[in-house]
PDB file of N, CA and C in Angstrom:
ATOM      1  N   UNK A   1      19.451   0.943 -18.373  1.00  0.00           N
ATOM      2  CA  UNK A   1      19.385  -0.551 -18.502  1.00  0.00           C
ATOM      3  C   UNK A   1      20.324  -1.194 -17.430  1.00  0.00           C
ATOM      4  N   UNK A   2      19.888  -2.002 -16.577  1.00  0.00           N
ATOM      5  CA  UNK A   2      20.710  -2.401 -15.493  1.00  0.00           C
ATOM      6  C   UNK A   2      20.928  -4.066 -15.856  1.00  0.00           C
ATOM      7  N   UNK A   3      22.218  -4.386 -15.553  1.00  0.00           N
ATOM      8  CA  UNK A   3      22.664  -5.781 -15.981  1.00  0.00           C
ATOM      9  C   UNK A   3      23.412  -6.398 -14.596  1.00  0.00           C
ATOM     10  N   UNK A   4      23.076  -7.581 -14.380  1.00  0.00           N
ATOM     11  CA  UNK A   4      23.568  -8.262 -13.091  1.00  0.00           C
ATOM     12  C   UNK A   4      24.528  -9.354 -13.667  1.00  0.00           C
ATOM     13  N   UNK A   5      25.813  -9.305 -13.237  1.00  0.00           N
ATOM     14  CA  UNK A   5      26.742 -10.335 -13.647  1.00  0.00           C
ATOM     15  C   UNK A   5      26.740 -11.230 -12.613  1.00  0.00           C
ATOM     16  N   UNK A   6      26.272 -12.429 -12.668  1.00  0.00           N
ATOM     17  CA  UNK A   6      26.243 -13.499 -11.794  1.00  0.00           C
ATOM     18  C   UNK A   6      27.668 -14.121 -11.305  1.00  0.00           C
ATOM     19  N   UNK A   7      28.637 -13.904 -12.162  1.00  0.00           N
ATOM     20  CA  UNK A   7      29.891 -14.266 -11.872  1.00  0.00           C
ATOM     21  C   UNK A   7      30.901 -13.198 -11.162  1.00  0.00           C
ATOM     22  N   UNK A   8      30.258 -12.005 -10.825  1.00  0.00           N
ATOM     23  CA  UNK A   8      30.944 -10.962 -10.221  1.00  0.00           C
ATOM     24  C   UNK A   8      31.065 -11.228  -8.714  1.00  0.00           C
ATOM     25  N   UNK A   9      32.185 -10.729  -8.075  1.00  0.00           N
ATOM     26  CA  UNK A   9      32.201 -10.873  -6.572  1.00  0.00           C
ATOM     27  C   UNK A   9      31.263  -9.840  -5.959  1.00  0.00           C
ATOM     28  N   UNK A  10      30.876  -8.898  -6.631  1.00  0.00           N
ATOM     29  CA  UNK A  10      30.050  -7.934  -6.146  1.00  0.00           C
ATOM     30  C   UNK A  10      28.592  -8.396  -6.187  1.00  0.00           C
ATOM     31  N   UNK A  11      28.060  -8.341  -4.846  1.00  0.00           N
ATOM     32  CA  UNK A  11      26.738  -8.858  -4.578  1.00  0.00           C
ATOM     33  C   UNK A  11      25.626  -8.314  -5.610  1.00  0.00           C
ATOM     34  N   UNK A  12      24.660  -9.099  -6.150  1.00  0.00           N
ATOM     35  CA  UNK A  12      23.710  -8.514  -7.035  1.00  0.00           C
ATOM     36  C   UNK A  12      22.865  -7.271  -6.538  1.00  0.00           C
ATOM     37  N   UNK A  13      22.556  -7.074  -5.307  1.00  0.00           N
ATOM     38  CA  UNK A  13      21.967  -5.832  -4.908  1.00  0.00           C
ATOM     39  C   UNK A  13      22.877  -4.729  -5.069  1.00  0.00           C
ATOM     40  N   UNK A  14      24.000  -4.838  -4.855  1.00  0.00           N
ATOM     41  CA  UNK A  14      24.999  -3.670  -4.916  1.00  0.00           C
ATOM     42  C   UNK A  14      25.219  -3.467  -6.483  1.00  0.00           C
ATOM     43  N   UNK A  15      25.237  -4.441  -7.355  1.00  0.00           N
ATOM     44  CA  UNK A  15      25.348  -4.109  -8.789  1.00  0.00           C
ATOM     45  C   UNK A  15      24.115  -3.384  -9.250  1.00  0.00           C
ATOM     46  N   UNK A  16      22.896  -3.650  -8.773  1.00  0.00           N
ATOM     47  CA  UNK A  16      21.682  -2.919  -9.136  1.00  0.00           C
ATOM     48  C   UNK A  16      21.729  -1.580  -8.579  1.00  0.00           C
ATOM     49  N   UNK A  17      22.007  -1.457  -7.201  1.00  0.00           N
ATOM     50  CA  UNK A  17      22.274   0.027  -6.614  1.00  0.00           C
ATOM     51  C   UNK A  17      23.134   0.855  -7.243  1.00  0.00           C
ATOM     52  N   UNK A  18      24.415   0.318  -7.514  1.00  0.00           N
ATOM     53  CA  UNK A  18      25.349   1.110  -8.158  1.00  0.00           C
ATOM     54  C   UNK A  18      25.001   1.734  -9.598  1.00  0.00           C
ATOM     55  N   UNK A  19      24.378   0.767 -10.329  1.00  0.00           N
ATOM     56  CA  UNK A  19      23.966   1.043 -11.741  1.00  0.00           C
ATOM     57  C   UNK A  19      22.735   2.129 -11.727  1.00  0.00           C
ATOM     58  N   UNK A  20      21.861   2.008 -10.729  1.00  0.00           N
ATOM     59  CA  UNK A  20      20.742   2.893 -10.742  1.00  0.00           C
ATOM     60  C   UNK A  20      21.369   4.202 -10.244  1.00  0.00           C
ATOM     61  N   UNK A  21      22.168   4.177  -9.282  1.00  0.00           N
ATOM     62  CA  UNK A  21      22.762   5.466  -8.593  1.00  0.00           C
ATOM     63  C   UNK A  21      23.597   6.215  -9.814  1.00  0.00           C
ATOM     64  N   UNK A  22      24.331   5.588 -10.568  1.00  0.00           N
ATOM     65  CA  UNK A  22      25.028   6.074 -11.770  1.00  0.00           C
ATOM     66  C   UNK A  22      24.157   6.811 -12.783  1.00  0.00           C
ATOM     67  N   UNK A  23      23.061   5.976 -13.000  1.00  0.00           N
ATOM     68  CA  UNK A  23      22.044   6.553 -14.054  1.00  0.00           C
ATOM     69  C   UNK A  23      21.307   7.875 -13.569  1.00  0.00           C
ATOM     70  N   UNK A  24      20.992   7.789 -12.101  1.00  0.00           N
ATOM     71  CA  UNK A  24      20.472   9.147 -11.600  1.00  0.00           C
ATOM     72  C   UNK A  24      21.470  10.152 -11.683  1.00  0.00           C
ATOM     73  N   UNK A  25      22.748  10.048 -11.221  1.00  0.00           N
ATOM     74  CA  UNK A  25      23.784  11.087 -11.127  1.00  0.00           C
ATOM     75  C   UNK A  25      24.126  11.469 -12.461  1.00  0.00           C
ATOM     76  N   UNK A  26      24.031  10.660 -13.562  1.00  0.00           N
ATOM     77  CA  UNK A  26      24.424  10.921 -14.850  1.00  0.00           C
ATOM     78  C   UNK A  26      23.218  11.537 -15.683  1.00  0.00           C
ATOM     79  N   UNK A  27      22.077  11.767 -14.932  1.00  0.00           N
ATOM     80  CA  UNK A  27      20.968  12.365 -15.698  1.00  0.00           C
ATOM     81  C   UNK A  27      20.125  11.336 -16.666  1.00  0.00           C
ATOM     82  N   UNK A  28      20.602  10.026 -16.675  1.00  0.00           N
ATOM     83  CA  UNK A  28      19.728   9.174 -17.575  1.00  0.00           C
ATOM     84  C   UNK A  28      18.477   9.022 -16.955  1.00  0.00           C
ATOM     85  N   UNK A  29      18.397   8.916 -15.690  1.00  0.00           N
ATOM     86  CA  UNK A  29      17.222   8.800 -14.850  1.00  0.00           C
ATOM     87  C   UNK A  29      16.993  10.259 -14.301  1.00  0.00           C
ATOM     88  N   UNK A  30      15.898  10.766 -14.714  1.00  0.00           N
ATOM     89  CA  UNK A  30      15.751  12.337 -14.221  1.00  0.00           C
ATOM     90  C   UNK A  30      14.617  12.237 -12.900  1.00  0.00           C
ATOM     91  N   UNK A  31      14.798  13.449 -12.231  1.00  0.00           N
ATOM     92  CA  UNK A  31      13.954  13.751 -11.006  1.00  0.00           C
ATOM     93  C   UNK A  31      12.487  13.407 -11.497  1.00  0.00           C
ATOM     94  N   UNK A  32      11.817  12.621 -10.609  1.00  0.00           N
ATOM     95  CA  UNK A  32      10.471  12.279 -11.021  1.00  0.00           C
ATOM     96  C   UNK A  32      10.252  11.057 -11.743  1.00  0.00           C
ATOM     97  N   UNK A  33      11.220  10.666 -12.453  1.00  0.00           N
ATOM     98  CA  UNK A  33      11.259   9.258 -13.236  1.00  0.00           C
ATOM     99  C   UNK A  33      10.766   8.034 -12.343  1.00  0.00           C
ATOM    100  N   UNK A  34       9.927   7.248 -12.750  1.00  0.00           N
ATOM    101  CA  UNK A  34       9.548   6.024 -11.991  1.00  0.00           C
ATOM    102  C   UNK A  34      10.377   4.880 -12.376  1.00  0.00           C
ATOM    103  N   UNK A  35      10.730   4.314 -11.316  1.00  0.00           N
ATOM    104  CA  UNK A  35      11.696   3.034 -11.565  1.00  0.00           C
ATOM    105  C   UNK A  35      10.772   1.789 -11.769  1.00  0.00           C
ATOM    106  N   UNK A  36      11.338   0.741 -12.320  1.00  0.00           N
ATOM    107  CA  UNK A  36      10.310  -0.340 -12.428  1.00  0.00           C
ATOM    108  C   UNK A  36      10.001  -0.841 -11.061  1.00  0.00           C
ATOM    109  N   UNK A  37       8.858  -1.680 -11.041  1.00  0.00           N
ATOM    110  CA  UNK A  37       8.546  -2.280  -9.773  1.00  0.00           C
ATOM    111  C   UNK A  37       9.560  -3.168  -9.219  1.00  0.00           C
ATOM    112  N   UNK A  38       9.555  -3.480  -8.055  1.00  0.00           N
ATOM    113  CA  UNK A  38      10.761  -4.413  -7.451  1.00  0.00           C
ATOM    114  C   UNK A  38      10.567  -5.704  -8.153  1.00  0.00           C
ATOM    115  N   UNK A  39       9.251  -6.313  -8.265  1.00  0.00           N
ATOM    116  CA  UNK A  39       9.006  -7.642  -8.784  1.00  0.00           C
ATOM    117  C   UNK A  39       9.343  -7.583 -10.417  1.00  0.00           C
ATOM    118  N   UNK A  40       8.870  -6.529 -11.145  1.00  0.00           N
ATOM    119  CA  UNK A  40       9.339  -6.392 -12.481  1.00  0.00           C
ATOM    120  C   UNK A  40      10.696  -6.265 -12.886  1.00  0.00           C
ATOM    121  N   UNK A  41      11.483  -5.462 -12.016  1.00  0.00           N
ATOM    122  CA  UNK A  41      12.879  -5.607 -12.325  1.00  0.00           C
ATOM    123  C   UNK A  41      13.511  -6.844 -11.959  1.00  0.00           C
ATOM    124  N   UNK A  42      13.037  -7.577 -10.917  1.00  0.00           N
ATOM    125  CA  UNK A  42      13.646  -8.783 -10.423  1.00  0.00           C
ATOM    126  C   UNK A  42      13.390  -9.727 -11.514  1.00  0.00           C
ATOM    127  N   UNK A  43      12.152  -9.797 -12.128  1.00  0.00           N
ATOM    128  CA  UNK A  43      11.931 -10.801 -13.320  1.00  0.00           C
ATOM    129  C   UNK A  43      12.745 -10.442 -14.432  1.00  0.00           C
ATOM    130  N   UNK A  44      12.880  -9.097 -14.830  1.00  0.00           N
ATOM    131  CA  UNK A  44      13.858  -8.897 -16.004  1.00  0.00           C
ATOM    132  C   UNK A  44      15.253  -9.274 -15.898  1.00  0.00           C
ATOM    133  N   UNK A  45      15.659  -9.167 -14.433  1.00  0.00           N
ATOM    134  CA  UNK A  45      17.042  -9.422 -14.171  1.00  0.00           C
ATOM    135  C   UNK A  45      17.337 -10.992 -13.871  1.00  0.00           C
ATOM    136  N   UNK A  46      16.249 -11.613 -13.636  1.00  0.00           N
ATOM    137  CA  UNK A  46      16.458 -12.951 -13.202  1.00  0.00           C
ATOM    138  C   UNK A  46      17.053 -13.231 -11.790  1.00  0.00           C
ATOM    139  N   UNK A  47      16.489 -12.248 -10.957  1.00  0.00           N
ATOM    140  CA  UNK A  47      17.173 -12.263  -9.364  1.00  0.00           C
ATOM    141  C   UNK A  47      15.937 -12.170  -8.491  1.00  0.00           C
ATOM    142  N   UNK A  48      16.088 -12.431  -7.259  1.00  0.00           N
ATOM    143  CA  UNK A  48      15.087 -12.314  -6.359  1.00  0.00           C
ATOM    144  C   UNK A  48      14.567 -10.879  -6.032  1.00  0.00           C
ATOM    145  N   UNK A  49      13.321 -10.985  -5.734  1.00  0.00           N
ATOM    146  CA  UNK A  49      12.555  -9.548  -5.446  1.00  0.00           C
ATOM    147  C   UNK A  49      13.308  -8.862  -4.372  1.00  0.00           C
ATOM    148  N   UNK A  50      13.625  -9.659  -3.328  1.00  0.00           N
ATOM    149  CA  UNK A  50      14.291  -9.215  -2.057  1.00  0.00           C
ATOM    150  C   UNK A  50      15.524  -8.470  -2.508  1.00  0.00           C
ATOM    151  N   UNK A  51      16.352  -8.931  -3.473  1.00  0.00           N
ATOM    152  CA  UNK A  51      17.483  -8.501  -4.057  1.00  0.00           C
ATOM    153  C   UNK A  51      17.385  -6.983  -4.565  1.00  0.00           C
ATOM    154  N   UNK A  52      16.322  -6.869  -5.244  1.00  0.00           N
ATOM    155  CA  UNK A  52      16.054  -5.445  -5.847  1.00  0.00           C
ATOM    156  C   UNK A  52      15.497  -4.618  -4.782  1.00  0.00           C
ATOM    157  N   UNK A  53      14.645  -5.223  -3.859  1.00  0.00           N
ATOM    158  CA  UNK A  53      14.200  -4.493  -2.770  1.00  0.00           C
ATOM    159  C   UNK A  53      15.200  -3.861  -1.952  1.00  0.00           C
ATOM    160  N   UNK A  54      16.312  -4.772  -1.673  1.00  0.00           N
ATOM    161  CA  UNK A  54      17.399  -4.087  -0.923  1.00  0.00           C
ATOM    162  C   UNK A  54      18.158  -3.070  -1.506  1.00  0.00           C
ATOM    163  N   UNK A  55      18.364  -3.127  -2.901  1.00  0.00           N
ATOM    164  CA  UNK A  55      18.993  -2.040  -3.751  1.00  0.00           C
ATOM    165  C   UNK A  55      18.141  -0.783  -3.591  1.00  0.00           C
ATOM    166  N   UNK A  56      16.728  -0.802  -3.672  1.00  0.00           N
ATOM    167  CA  UNK A  56      15.964   0.262  -3.697  1.00  0.00           C
ATOM    168  C   UNK A  56      16.095   0.848  -2.129  1.00  0.00           C
ATOM    169  N   UNK A  57      16.009   0.043  -1.240  1.00  0.00           N
ATOM    170  CA  UNK A  57      16.162   0.610   0.186  1.00  0.00           C
ATOM    171  C   UNK A  57      17.535   1.316   0.350  1.00  0.00           C
ATOM    172  N   UNK A  58      18.547   0.807  -0.184  1.00  0.00           N
ATOM    173  CA  UNK A  58      19.881   1.596  -0.032  1.00  0.00           C
ATOM    174  C   UNK A  58      19.808   2.907  -0.862  1.00  0.00           C
ATOM    175  N   UNK A  59      19.133   2.899  -2.003  1.00  0.00           N
ATOM    176  CA  UNK A  59      18.975   4.214  -2.903  1.00  0.00           C
ATOM    177  C   UNK A  59      18.197   5.117  -1.961  1.00  0.00           C
ATOM    178  N   UNK A  60      17.101   4.713  -1.289  1.00  0.00           N
ATOM    179  CA  UNK A  60      16.366   5.465  -0.525  1.00  0.00           C
ATOM    180  C   UNK A  60      17.272   6.188   0.645  1.00  0.00           C
ATOM    181  N   UNK A  61      18.021   5.396   1.396  1.00  0.00           N
ATOM    182  CA  UNK A  61      19.042   5.764   2.264  1.00  0.00           C
ATOM    183  C   UNK A  61      19.900   6.911   1.807  1.00  0.00           C
ATOM    184  N   UNK A  62      20.288   6.832   0.433  1.00  0.00           N
ATOM    185  CA  UNK A  62      21.049   7.843  -0.144  1.00  0.00           C
ATOM    186  C   UNK A  62      20.335   9.142  -0.537  1.00  0.00           C
ATOM    187  N   UNK A  63      18.843   8.963  -0.430  1.00  0.00           N
ATOM    188  CA  UNK A  63      17.935   9.873  -0.834  1.00  0.00           C
ATOM    189  C   UNK A  63      18.017  10.108  -2.260  1.00  0.00           C
ATOM    190  N   UNK A  64      18.277   9.087  -3.001  1.00  0.00           N
ATOM    191  CA  UNK A  64      18.318   9.225  -4.410  1.00  0.00           C
ATOM    192  C   UNK A  64      16.972   8.807  -4.907  1.00  0.00           C
ATOM    193  N   UNK A  65      16.241   8.110  -4.274  1.00  0.00           N
ATOM    194  CA  UNK A  65      14.807   7.614  -4.707  1.00  0.00           C
ATOM    195  C   UNK A  65      13.954   7.789  -3.460  1.00  0.00           C
ATOM    196  N   UNK A  66      12.605   7.845  -3.835  1.00  0.00           N
ATOM    197  CA  UNK A  66      11.506   7.902  -2.941  1.00  0.00           C
ATOM    198  C   UNK A  66      10.626   6.645  -3.142  1.00  0.00           C
ATOM    199  N   UNK A  67      10.087   5.933  -2.178  1.00  0.00           N
ATOM    200  CA  UNK A  67       9.126   4.802  -2.570  1.00  0.00           C
ATOM    201  C   UNK A  67       7.909   5.267  -1.699  1.00  0.00           C
ATOM    202  N   UNK A  68       6.704   5.296  -2.464  1.00  0.00           N
ATOM    203  CA  UNK A  68       5.576   5.713  -1.803  1.00  0.00           C
ATOM    204  C   UNK A  68       4.382   4.612  -2.029  1.00  0.00           C
ATOM    205  N   UNK A  69       4.770   3.492  -1.372  1.00  0.00           N
ATOM    206  CA  UNK A  69       3.786   2.449  -1.435  1.00  0.00           C
ATOM    207  C   UNK A  69       3.252   2.074  -2.823  1.00  0.00           C
ATOM    208  N   UNK A  70       1.927   2.062  -2.992  1.00  0.00           N
ATOM    209  CA  UNK A  70       1.528   1.614  -4.391  1.00  0.00           C
ATOM    210  C   UNK A  70       1.900   2.648  -5.501  1.00  0.00           C
ATOM    211  N   UNK A  71       2.201   3.736  -5.040  1.00  0.00           N
ATOM    212  CA  UNK A  71       2.634   4.741  -6.202  1.00  0.00           C
ATOM    213  C   UNK A  71       4.045   4.547  -6.800  1.00  0.00           C
ATOM    214  N   UNK A  72       4.735   3.389  -6.242  1.00  0.00           N
ATOM    215  CA  UNK A  72       5.985   3.078  -6.730  1.00  0.00           C
ATOM    216  C   UNK A  72       7.181   3.833  -6.123  1.00  0.00           C
ATOM    217  N   UNK A  73       8.266   3.776  -6.801  1.00  0.00           N
ATOM    218  CA  UNK A  73       9.634   4.355  -6.459  1.00  0.00           C
ATOM    219  C   UNK A  73       9.993   5.316  -7.605  1.00  0.00           C
ATOM    220  N   UNK A  74      10.406   6.549  -7.337  1.00  0.00           N
ATOM    221  CA  UNK A  74      10.661   7.540  -8.249  1.00  0.00           C
ATOM    222  C   UNK A  74      12.049   8.091  -7.822  1.00  0.00           C
ATOM    223  N   UNK A  75      12.646   8.560  -8.747  1.00  0.00           N
ATOM    224  CA  UNK A  75      13.781   9.462  -8.542  1.00  0.00           C
ATOM    225  C   UNK A  75      13.382  10.565  -7.763  1.00  0.00           C
ATOM    226  N   UNK A  76      14.143  10.861  -6.639  1.00  0.00           N
ATOM    227  CA  UNK A  76      13.758  11.961  -5.695  1.00  0.00           C
ATOM    228  C   UNK A  76      14.165  13.281  -5.883  1.00  0.00           C
ATOM    229  N   UNK A  77      13.202  14.265  -5.334  1.00  0.00           N
ATOM    230  CA  UNK A  77      13.446  15.531  -5.585  1.00  0.00           C
ATOM    231  C   UNK A  77      14.335  15.880  -4.329  1.00  0.00           C
ATOM    232  N   UNK A  78      14.878  17.129  -4.494  1.00  0.00           N
ATOM    233  CA  UNK A  78      15.821  17.577  -3.411  1.00  0.00           C
ATOM    234  C   UNK A  78      15.107  17.753  -2.026  1.00  0.00           C
ATOM    235  N   UNK A  79      15.767  17.602  -0.973  1.00  0.00           N
ATOM    236  CA  UNK A  79      15.109  17.828   0.350  1.00  0.00           C
ATOM    237  C   UNK A  79      14.883  19.372   0.503  1.00  0.00           C
ATOM    238  N   UNK A  80      15.707  20.165  -0.160  1.00  0.00           N
ATOM    239  CA  UNK A  80      15.654  21.698   0.062  1.00  0.00           C
ATOM    240  C   UNK A  80      14.551  22.217  -0.655  1.00  0.00           C
ATOM    241  N   UNK A  81      13.492  22.986   0.021  1.00  0.00           N
ATOM    242  CA  UNK A  81      12.371  23.405  -0.708  1.00  0.00           C
ATOM    243  C   UNK A  81      12.496  24.227  -1.830  1.00  0.00           C
ATOM    244  N   UNK A  82      13.417  25.297  -1.902  1.00  0.00           N
ATOM    245  CA  UNK A  82      13.799  25.970  -3.068  1.00  0.00           C
ATOM    246  C   UNK A  82      14.316  25.225  -4.351  1.00  0.00           C
ATOM    247  N   UNK A  83      15.323  24.368  -3.760  1.00  0.00           N
ATOM    248  CA  UNK A  83      15.835  23.477  -5.066  1.00  0.00           C
ATOM    249  C   UNK A  83      14.786  22.525  -5.503  1.00  0.00           C
ATOM    250  N   UNK A  84      13.936  22.041  -4.734  1.00  0.00           N
ATOM    251  CA  UNK A  84      12.794  21.151  -5.115  1.00  0.00           C
ATOM    252  C   UNK A  84      11.983  21.887  -6.122  1.00  0.00           C
ATOM    253  N   UNK A  85      11.659  23.021  -5.721  1.00  0.00           N
ATOM    254  CA  UNK A  85      10.734  23.807  -6.713  1.00  0.00           C
ATOM    255  C   UNK A  85      11.460  24.041  -8.057  1.00  0.00           C
ATOM    256  N   UNK A  86      12.536  24.440  -7.925  1.00  0.00           N
ATOM    257  CA  UNK A  86      13.474  24.664  -9.174  1.00  0.00           C
ATOM    258  C   UNK A  86      13.601  23.435  -9.938  1.00  0.00           C
ATOM    259  N   UNK A  87      13.774  22.289  -9.183  1.00  0.00           N
ATOM    260  CA  UNK A  87      13.987  20.863  -9.991  1.00  0.00           C
ATOM    261  C   UNK A  87      12.492  20.551 -10.694  1.00  0.00           C
ATOM    262  N   UNK A  88      11.302  20.936 -10.126  1.00  0.00           N
ATOM    263  CA  UNK A  88      10.122  20.685 -10.802  1.00  0.00           C
ATOM    264  C   UNK A  88       9.899  21.463 -11.861  1.00  0.00           C
ATOM    265  N   UNK A  89      10.131  22.771 -11.722  1.00  0.00           N
ATOM    266  CA  UNK A  89      10.063  23.817 -12.910  1.00  0.00           C
ATOM    267  C   UNK A  89      11.004  23.265 -13.981  1.00  0.00           C
ATOM    268  N   UNK A  90      12.270  22.985 -13.705  1.00  0.00           N
ATOM    269  CA  UNK A  90      13.109  22.433 -14.738  1.00  0.00           C
ATOM    270  C   UNK A  90      12.561  21.321 -15.345  1.00  0.00           C
ATOM    271  N   UNK A  91      12.079  20.319 -14.610  1.00  0.00           N
ATOM    272  CA  UNK A  91      11.491  19.030 -15.309  1.00  0.00           C
ATOM    273  C   UNK A  91      10.340  19.497 -16.245  1.00  0.00           C
ATOM    274  N   UNK A  92       9.429  20.448 -15.764  1.00  0.00           N
ATOM    275  CA  UNK A  92       8.434  20.866 -16.711  1.00  0.00           C
ATOM    276  C   UNK A  92       8.748  21.460 -17.953  1.00  0.00           C
ATOM    277  N   UNK A  93       9.795  22.202 -17.757  1.00  0.00           N
ATOM    278  CA  UNK A  93      10.459  23.079 -18.867  1.00  0.00           C
ATOM    279  C   UNK A  93      10.922  21.985 -19.835  1.00  0.00           C
ATOM    280  N   UNK A  94      11.879  21.105 -19.281  1.00  0.00           N
ATOM    281  CA  UNK A  94      12.414  20.007 -20.122  1.00  0.00           C
ATOM    282  C   UNK A  94      11.476  19.190 -20.905  1.00  0.00           C
ATOM    283  N   UNK A  95      10.322  18.834 -20.212  1.00  0.00           N
ATOM    284  CA  UNK A  95       9.150  18.051 -20.808  1.00  0.00           C
ATOM    285  C   UNK A  95       8.622  18.900 -22.003  1.00  0.00           C
ATOM    286  N   UNK A  96       8.407  20.215 -21.626  1.00  0.00           N
ATOM    287  CA  UNK A  96       7.840  21.073 -22.828  1.00  0.00           C
ATOM    288  C   UNK A  96       8.514  21.213 -24.078  1.00  0.00           C
ATOM    289  N   UNK A  97       9.925  21.374 -23.637  1.00  0.00           N
ATOM    290  CA  UNK A  97      11.069  21.622 -24.754  1.00  0.00           C
ATOM    291  C   UNK A  97      11.076  20.324 -25.549  1.00  0.00           C
ATOM    292  N   UNK A  98      10.994  19.031 -24.871  1.00  0.00           N
ATOM    293  CA  UNK A  98      10.977  17.850 -25.751  1.00  0.00           C
ATOM    294  C   UNK A  98       9.553  17.758 -26.583  1.00  0.00           C
ATOM    295  N   UNK A  99       8.417  18.049 -25.817  1.00  0.00           N
ATOM    296  CA  UNK A  99       7.371  18.052 -26.671  1.00  0.00           C
ATOM    297  C   UNK A  99       7.299  18.955 -27.944  1.00  0.00           C
ATOM    298  N   UNK A 100       8.039  20.092 -27.797  1.00  0.00           N
ATOM    299  CA  UNK A 100       8.042  20.866 -28.925  1.00  0.00           C
ATOM    300  C   UNK A 100       9.071  20.423 -29.968  1.00  0.00           C
ATOM    301  N   UNK A 101       9.893  19.662 -29.510  1.00  0.00           N
ATOM    302  CA  UNK A 101      10.918  18.981 -30.397  1.00  0.00           C
ATOM    303  C   UNK A 101      12.104  19.999 -30.437  1.00  0.00           C
ATOM    304  N   UNK A 102      12.466  20.750 -29.440  1.00  0.00           N
ATOM    305  CA  UNK A 102      13.683  21.520 -29.168  1.00  0.00           C
ATOM    306  C   UNK A 102      14.765  20.800 -28.839  1.00  0.00           C
ATOM    307  N   UNK A 103      15.938  21.045 -29.405  1.00  0.00           N
ATOM    308  CA  UNK A 103      17.140  20.282 -29.224  1.00  0.00           C
ATOM    309  C   UNK A 103      17.575  20.670 -27.679  1.00  0.00           C
ATOM    310  N   UNK A 104      18.193  19.726 -26.842  1.00  0.00           N
ATOM    311  CA  UNK A 104      18.651  20.163 -25.591  1.00  0.00           C
ATOM    312  C   UNK A 104      19.523  21.384 -25.417  1.00  0.00           C
ATOM    313  N   UNK A 105      20.585  21.452 -26.496  1.00  0.00           N
ATOM    314  CA  UNK A 105      21.439  22.398 -26.426  1.00  0.00           C
ATOM    315  C   UNK A 105      20.680  23.907 -26.823  1.00  0.00           C
ATOM    316  N   UNK A 106      19.680  23.808 -27.397  1.00  0.00           N
ATOM    317  CA  UNK A 106      18.919  25.081 -27.871  1.00  0.00           C
ATOM    318  C   UNK A 106      18.055  25.339 -26.410  1.00  0.00           C
ATOM    319  N   UNK A 107      17.429  24.376 -25.855  1.00  0.00           N
ATOM    320  CA  UNK A 107      16.630  24.648 -24.524  1.00  0.00           C
ATOM    321  C   UNK A 107      17.504  25.139 -23.442  1.00  0.00           C
ATOM    322  N   UNK A 108      18.926  24.694 -23.366  1.00  0.00           N
ATOM    323  CA  UNK A 108      19.960  25.057 -22.275  1.00  0.00           C
ATOM    324  C   UNK A 108      20.271  26.524 -22.623  1.00  0.00           C
ATOM    325  N   UNK A 109      20.560  26.964 -23.879  1.00  0.00           N
ATOM    326  CA  UNK A 109      20.915  28.215 -24.447  1.00  0.00           C
ATOM    327  C   UNK A 109      19.670  29.310 -23.891  1.00  0.00           C
ATOM    328  N   UNK A 110      18.408  28.772 -24.016  1.00  0.00           N
ATOM    329  CA  UNK A 110      17.410  29.699 -23.740  1.00  0.00           C
ATOM    330  C   UNK A 110      17.458  29.998 -22.307  1.00  0.00           C
ATOM    331  N   UNK A 111      17.560  28.936 -21.496  1.00  0.00           N
ATOM    332  CA  UNK A 111      17.776  29.186 -19.996  1.00  0.00           C
ATOM    333  C   UNK A 111      18.823  29.977 -19.626  1.00  0.00           C
ATOM    334  N   UNK A 112      19.897  29.771 -20.243  1.00  0.00           N
ATOM    335  CA  UNK A 112      21.039  30.522 -20.106  1.00  0.00           C
ATOM    336  C   UNK A 112      20.770  32.143 -20.249  1.00  0.00           C
ATOM    337  N   UNK A 113      20.373  32.302 -21.390  1.00  0.00           N
ATOM    338  CA  UNK A 113      19.793  33.690 -21.645  1.00  0.00           C
ATOM    339  C   UNK A 113      18.857  34.341 -20.490  1.00  0.00           C
ATOM    340  N   UNK A 114      17.825  33.514 -20.205  1.00  0.00           N
ATOM    341  CA  UNK A 114      16.837  33.868 -19.216  1.00  0.00           C
ATOM    342  C   UNK A 114      17.559  34.237 -17.857  1.00  0.00           C
ATOM    343  N   UNK A 115      18.745  33.513 -17.637  1.00  0.00           N
ATOM    344  CA  UNK A 115      19.475  33.639 -16.321  1.00  0.00           C
ATOM    345  C   UNK A 115      20.486  34.891 -16.547  1.00  0.00           C
ATOM    346  N   UNK A 116      20.564  35.390 -17.743  1.00  0.00           N
ATOM    347  CA  UNK A 116      21.532  36.610 -17.887  1.00  0.00           C
ATOM    348  C   UNK A 116      22.936  36.094 -18.186  1.00  0.00           C
ATOM    349  N   UNK A 117      23.222  34.781 -18.657  1.00  0.00           N
ATOM    350  CA  UNK A 117      24.483  34.204 -18.873  1.00  0.00           C
ATOM    351  C   UNK A 117      24.733  34.669 -20.318  1.00  0.00           C
ATOM    352  N   UNK A 118      25.806  34.936 -20.589  1.00  0.00           N
ATOM    353  CA  UNK A 118      26.460  35.251 -21.966  1.00  0.00           C
ATOM    354  C   UNK A 118      26.844  33.861 -22.731  1.00  0.00           C
ATOM    355  N   UNK A 119      26.498  33.753 -23.882  1.00  0.00           N
ATOM    356  CA  UNK A 119      27.117  32.411 -24.552  1.00  0.00           C
ATOM    357  C   UNK A 119      28.591  32.583 -24.782  1.00  0.00           C
ATOM    358  N   UNK A 120      29.255  31.548 -24.722  1.00  0.00           N
ATOM    359  CA  UNK A 120      30.770  31.621 -24.757  1.00  0.00           C
ATOM    360  C   UNK A 120      31.109  31.115 -26.240  1.00  0.00           C
TER     361      UNK A 120
END
């Protein structure tokens, strides 16, 4: 959830950018997740669409998101081919684990065992 404080000295576009960047880095928004449309988020926040568009452009410059025209804006995959494939596989695994109702800690433990890591 993004909140814009109209009384803040921080410009609204920067508030949006910073909050979305934090959500991406913290894993709240995952690789491949679609962000709201510029217009939709602007309406939700009660700010101008250009403000949200600027925040999205800045996130693109940081390579945190990708915008693909009518396909919208999504949390970006890594630019490194091997890491991108690994991220895609991890996203598929995580989705399958959620669909099976597996707890995140259990799913992580299974991956750890597959990688040859010992439980501590």
